[in-house]
């Protein structure tokens, strides 16, 4: 149980960091991200915004369901 708890702790830290970096990049430098991505995947700015924020929302939900919730559940089990 302890090993599984540590596994989910590190998954939460790593994926949380990725989510935070992705969010910061989209807030602070959206034009640079758009220019880089449109070189590989030509699309309009409106389509880019919809795609990025949809994927960001999906990643956040997956992060919460598959990383944070199991980690918190294991912490509750271990502390009882």
N, C-alpha and C. Protein backbone atom coordinates (compact mmCIF):
# COMPACT_ATOMS: atom_id res chain seq x y z
N UNK A 1 0.83 -1.19 0.00
CA UNK A 1 0.00 0.00 0.00
C UNK A 1 0.87 1.26 0.00
N UNK A 2 1.97 1.20 0.75
CA UNK A 2 2.86 2.36 0.82
C UNK A 2 3.48 2.65 -0.56
N UNK A 3 3.89 1.61 -1.26
CA UNK A 3 4.48 1.78 -2.59
C UNK A 3 3.46 2.36 -3.57
N UNK A 4 2.24 1.89 -3.50
CA UNK A 4 1.18 2.40 -4.36
C UNK A 4 0.88 3.87 -4.05
N UNK A 5 0.89 4.22 -2.78
CA UNK A 5 0.67 5.61 -2.38
C UNK A 5 1.78 6.51 -2.92
N UNK A 6 3.02 6.06 -2.82
CA UNK A 6 4.13 6.84 -3.36
C UNK A 6 4.04 6.97 -4.88
N UNK A 7 3.62 5.89 -5.54
CA UNK A 7 3.43 5.94 -6.99
C UNK A 7 2.43 7.02 -7.37
N UNK A 8 1.27 7.03 -6.73
CA UNK A 8 0.25 8.02 -7.06
C UNK A 8 0.67 9.42 -6.62
N UNK A 9 1.48 9.54 -5.59
CA UNK A 9 1.99 10.84 -5.18
C UNK A 9 2.86 11.42 -6.30
N UNK A 10 3.77 10.61 -6.84
CA UNK A 10 4.66 11.08 -7.91
C UNK A 10 3.89 11.33 -9.20
N UNK A 11 2.90 10.49 -9.49
CA UNK A 11 2.05 10.74 -10.66
C UNK A 11 1.33 12.07 -10.53
N UNK A 12 0.83 12.36 -9.34
CA UNK A 12 0.13 13.61 -9.09
C UNK A 12 1.08 14.80 -9.23
N UNK A 13 2.28 14.68 -8.70
CA UNK A 13 3.25 15.78 -8.80
C UNK A 13 3.66 16.02 -10.25
N UNK A 14 3.99 14.96 -10.97
CA UNK A 14 4.45 15.11 -12.35
C UNK A 14 3.34 15.63 -13.25
N UNK A 15 2.17 15.02 -13.19
CA UNK A 15 1.07 15.45 -14.05
C UNK A 15 0.54 16.82 -13.64
N UNK A 16 0.55 17.12 -12.35
CA UNK A 16 0.14 18.45 -11.90
C UNK A 16 1.09 19.52 -12.40
N UNK A 17 2.38 19.22 -12.43
CA UNK A 17 3.37 20.15 -12.96
C UNK A 17 3.15 20.38 -14.45
N UNK A 18 2.89 19.30 -15.20
CA UNK A 18 2.60 19.44 -16.63
C UNK A 18 1.35 20.29 -16.87
N UNK A 19 0.31 20.06 -16.09
CA UNK A 19 -0.92 20.83 -16.21
C UNK A 19 -0.66 22.31 -15.90
N UNK A 20 0.10 22.57 -14.87
CA UNK A 20 0.42 23.94 -14.49
C UNK A 20 1.25 24.64 -15.57
N UNK A 21 2.27 23.95 -16.09
CA UNK A 21 3.11 24.54 -17.15
C UNK A 21 2.30 24.83 -18.42
N UNK A 22 1.45 23.90 -18.79
CA UNK A 22 0.62 24.06 -19.97
C UNK A 22 -0.30 25.27 -19.80
N UNK A 23 -0.91 25.39 -18.62
CA UNK A 23 -1.81 26.51 -18.35
C UNK A 23 -1.05 27.84 -18.38
N UNK A 24 0.12 27.87 -17.75
CA UNK A 24 0.92 29.10 -17.72
C UNK A 24 1.34 29.50 -19.12
N UNK A 25 1.76 28.52 -19.93
CA UNK A 25 2.15 28.83 -21.30
C UNK A 25 0.99 29.41 -22.11
N UNK A 26 -0.20 28.87 -21.93
CA UNK A 26 -1.35 29.38 -22.68
C UNK A 26 -1.79 30.75 -22.18
N UNK A 27 -1.53 31.06 -20.92
CA UNK A 27 -1.91 32.37 -20.38
C UNK A 27 -0.88 33.43 -20.74
N UNK A 28 0.40 33.10 -20.57
CA UNK A 28 1.46 34.11 -20.74
C UNK A 28 1.93 34.30 -22.18
N UNK A 29 1.91 33.24 -22.97
CA UNK A 29 2.41 33.38 -24.34
C UNK A 29 1.57 32.60 -25.35
N UNK A 30 0.30 32.96 -25.48
CA UNK A 30 -0.56 32.22 -26.41
C UNK A 30 -0.16 32.39 -27.86
N UNK A 31 0.37 33.55 -28.23
CA UNK A 31 0.75 33.77 -29.63
C UNK A 31 1.92 32.90 -30.05
N UNK A 32 2.90 32.73 -29.15
CA UNK A 32 4.04 31.88 -29.46
C UNK A 32 3.60 30.43 -29.59
N UNK A 33 2.76 29.97 -28.68
CA UNK A 33 2.26 28.59 -28.74
C UNK A 33 1.48 28.39 -30.03
N UNK A 34 0.67 29.37 -30.40
CA UNK A 34 -0.11 29.25 -31.64
C UNK A 34 0.80 29.18 -32.86
N UNK A 35 1.80 30.05 -32.92
CA UNK A 35 2.71 30.06 -34.07
C UNK A 35 3.45 28.73 -34.21
N UNK A 36 3.94 28.19 -33.09
CA UNK A 36 4.67 26.92 -33.13
C UNK A 36 3.74 25.79 -33.56
N UNK A 37 2.56 25.72 -32.98
CA UNK A 37 1.64 24.63 -33.30
C UNK A 37 1.10 24.74 -34.71
N UNK A 38 0.89 25.97 -35.19
CA UNK A 38 0.34 26.11 -36.54
C UNK A 38 1.36 25.75 -37.63
N UNK A 39 2.63 25.67 -37.28
CA UNK A 39 3.62 25.17 -38.24
C UNK A 39 3.39 23.69 -38.52
N UNK A 40 3.01 22.95 -37.49
CA UNK A 40 2.80 21.50 -37.63
C UNK A 40 1.37 21.17 -38.04
N UNK A 41 0.43 21.91 -37.49
CA UNK A 41 -0.99 21.65 -37.73
C UNK A 41 -1.66 22.96 -38.14
N UNK A 42 -1.72 23.25 -39.44
CA UNK A 42 -2.33 24.51 -39.88
C UNK A 42 -3.81 24.57 -39.49
N UNK A 43 -4.17 25.63 -38.77
CA UNK A 43 -5.55 25.83 -38.34
C UNK A 43 -5.75 27.30 -38.01
N UNK A 44 -7.01 27.70 -37.97
CA UNK A 44 -7.31 29.09 -37.63
C UNK A 44 -7.09 29.32 -36.13
N UNK A 45 -6.99 30.57 -35.77
CA UNK A 45 -6.77 30.91 -34.35
C UNK A 45 -7.96 30.48 -33.49
N UNK A 46 -9.16 30.62 -34.01
CA UNK A 46 -10.36 30.22 -33.26
C UNK A 46 -10.37 28.72 -33.01
N UNK A 47 -10.01 27.95 -34.04
CA UNK A 47 -9.94 26.50 -33.89
C UNK A 47 -8.86 26.12 -32.89
N UNK A 48 -7.73 26.79 -32.96
CA UNK A 48 -6.64 26.54 -32.02
C UNK A 48 -7.10 26.77 -30.58
N UNK A 49 -7.79 27.89 -30.34
CA UNK A 49 -8.26 28.18 -28.99
C UNK A 49 -9.21 27.11 -28.47
N UNK A 50 -10.14 26.68 -29.32
CA UNK A 50 -11.09 25.64 -28.92
C UNK A 50 -10.36 24.34 -28.61
N UNK A 51 -9.44 23.95 -29.48
CA UNK A 51 -8.70 22.70 -29.29
C UNK A 51 -7.86 22.74 -28.02
N UNK A 52 -7.10 23.81 -27.82
CA UNK A 52 -6.21 23.91 -26.66
C UNK A 52 -6.99 23.89 -25.35
N UNK A 53 -8.06 24.69 -25.28
CA UNK A 53 -8.81 24.74 -24.03
C UNK A 53 -9.63 23.47 -23.80
N UNK A 54 -10.04 22.81 -24.88
CA UNK A 54 -10.73 21.52 -24.72
C UNK A 54 -9.77 20.46 -24.18
N UNK A 55 -8.57 20.38 -24.78
CA UNK A 55 -7.59 19.42 -24.30
C UNK A 55 -7.14 19.75 -22.88
N UNK A 56 -7.02 21.02 -22.56
CA UNK A 56 -6.64 21.42 -21.21
C UNK A 56 -7.70 20.98 -20.20
N UNK A 57 -8.95 21.17 -20.54
CA UNK A 57 -10.04 20.73 -19.67
C UNK A 57 -10.08 19.22 -19.53
N UNK A 58 -9.89 18.51 -20.63
CA UNK A 58 -9.88 17.05 -20.60
C UNK A 58 -8.72 16.53 -19.76
N UNK A 59 -7.53 17.13 -19.93
CA UNK A 59 -6.37 16.72 -19.15
C UNK A 59 -6.61 16.96 -17.66
N UNK A 60 -7.26 18.08 -17.33
CA UNK A 60 -7.54 18.38 -15.93
C UNK A 60 -8.48 17.34 -15.32
N UNK A 61 -9.50 16.96 -16.05
CA UNK A 61 -10.43 15.96 -15.55
C UNK A 61 -9.74 14.61 -15.38
N UNK A 62 -8.95 14.20 -16.36
CA UNK A 62 -8.22 12.93 -16.28
C UNK A 62 -7.22 12.97 -15.13
N UNK A 63 -6.54 14.10 -14.96
CA UNK A 63 -5.59 14.28 -13.85
C UNK A 63 -6.28 14.10 -12.51
N UNK A 64 -7.42 14.73 -12.34
CA UNK A 64 -8.13 14.62 -11.06
C UNK A 64 -8.63 13.20 -10.81
N UNK A 65 -9.23 12.59 -11.83
CA UNK A 65 -9.84 11.26 -11.65
C UNK A 65 -8.80 10.16 -11.48
N UNK A 66 -7.72 10.20 -12.26
CA UNK A 66 -6.78 9.09 -12.26
C UNK A 66 -5.51 9.33 -11.45
N UNK A 67 -5.31 10.53 -10.92
CA UNK A 67 -4.12 10.81 -10.12
C UNK A 67 -4.47 11.27 -8.72
N UNK A 68 -5.21 12.35 -8.63
CA UNK A 68 -5.48 12.96 -7.33
C UNK A 68 -6.43 12.11 -6.49
N UNK A 69 -7.53 11.66 -7.07
CA UNK A 69 -8.51 10.89 -6.31
C UNK A 69 -7.92 9.58 -5.76
N UNK A 70 -7.21 8.77 -6.58
CA UNK A 70 -6.61 7.56 -6.00
C UNK A 70 -5.57 7.87 -4.92
N UNK A 71 -4.80 8.93 -5.10
CA UNK A 71 -3.80 9.30 -4.10
C UNK A 71 -4.47 9.69 -2.78
N UNK A 72 -5.50 10.50 -2.84
CA UNK A 72 -6.21 10.91 -1.63
C UNK A 72 -6.89 9.70 -0.98
N UNK A 73 -7.47 8.82 -1.79
CA UNK A 73 -8.12 7.62 -1.23
C UNK A 73 -7.10 6.74 -0.51
N UNK A 74 -5.93 6.57 -1.09
CA UNK A 74 -4.89 5.77 -0.43
C UNK A 74 -4.40 6.44 0.85
N UNK A 75 -4.30 7.76 0.85
CA UNK A 75 -3.91 8.46 2.08
C UNK A 75 -4.94 8.25 3.18
N UNK A 76 -6.22 8.29 2.81
CA UNK A 76 -7.28 8.07 3.79
C UNK A 76 -7.21 6.65 4.34
N UNK A 77 -7.00 5.67 3.46
CA UNK A 77 -6.91 4.27 3.91
C UNK A 77 -5.74 4.06 4.83
N UNK A 78 -4.57 4.64 4.48
CA UNK A 78 -3.37 4.44 5.29
C UNK A 78 -3.44 5.15 6.64
N UNK A 79 -4.18 6.22 6.72
CA UNK A 79 -4.25 6.97 7.98
C UNK A 79 -5.38 6.51 8.89
N UNK A 80 -6.14 5.53 8.49
CA UNK A 80 -7.21 5.00 9.37
C UNK A 80 -6.78 3.74 10.05
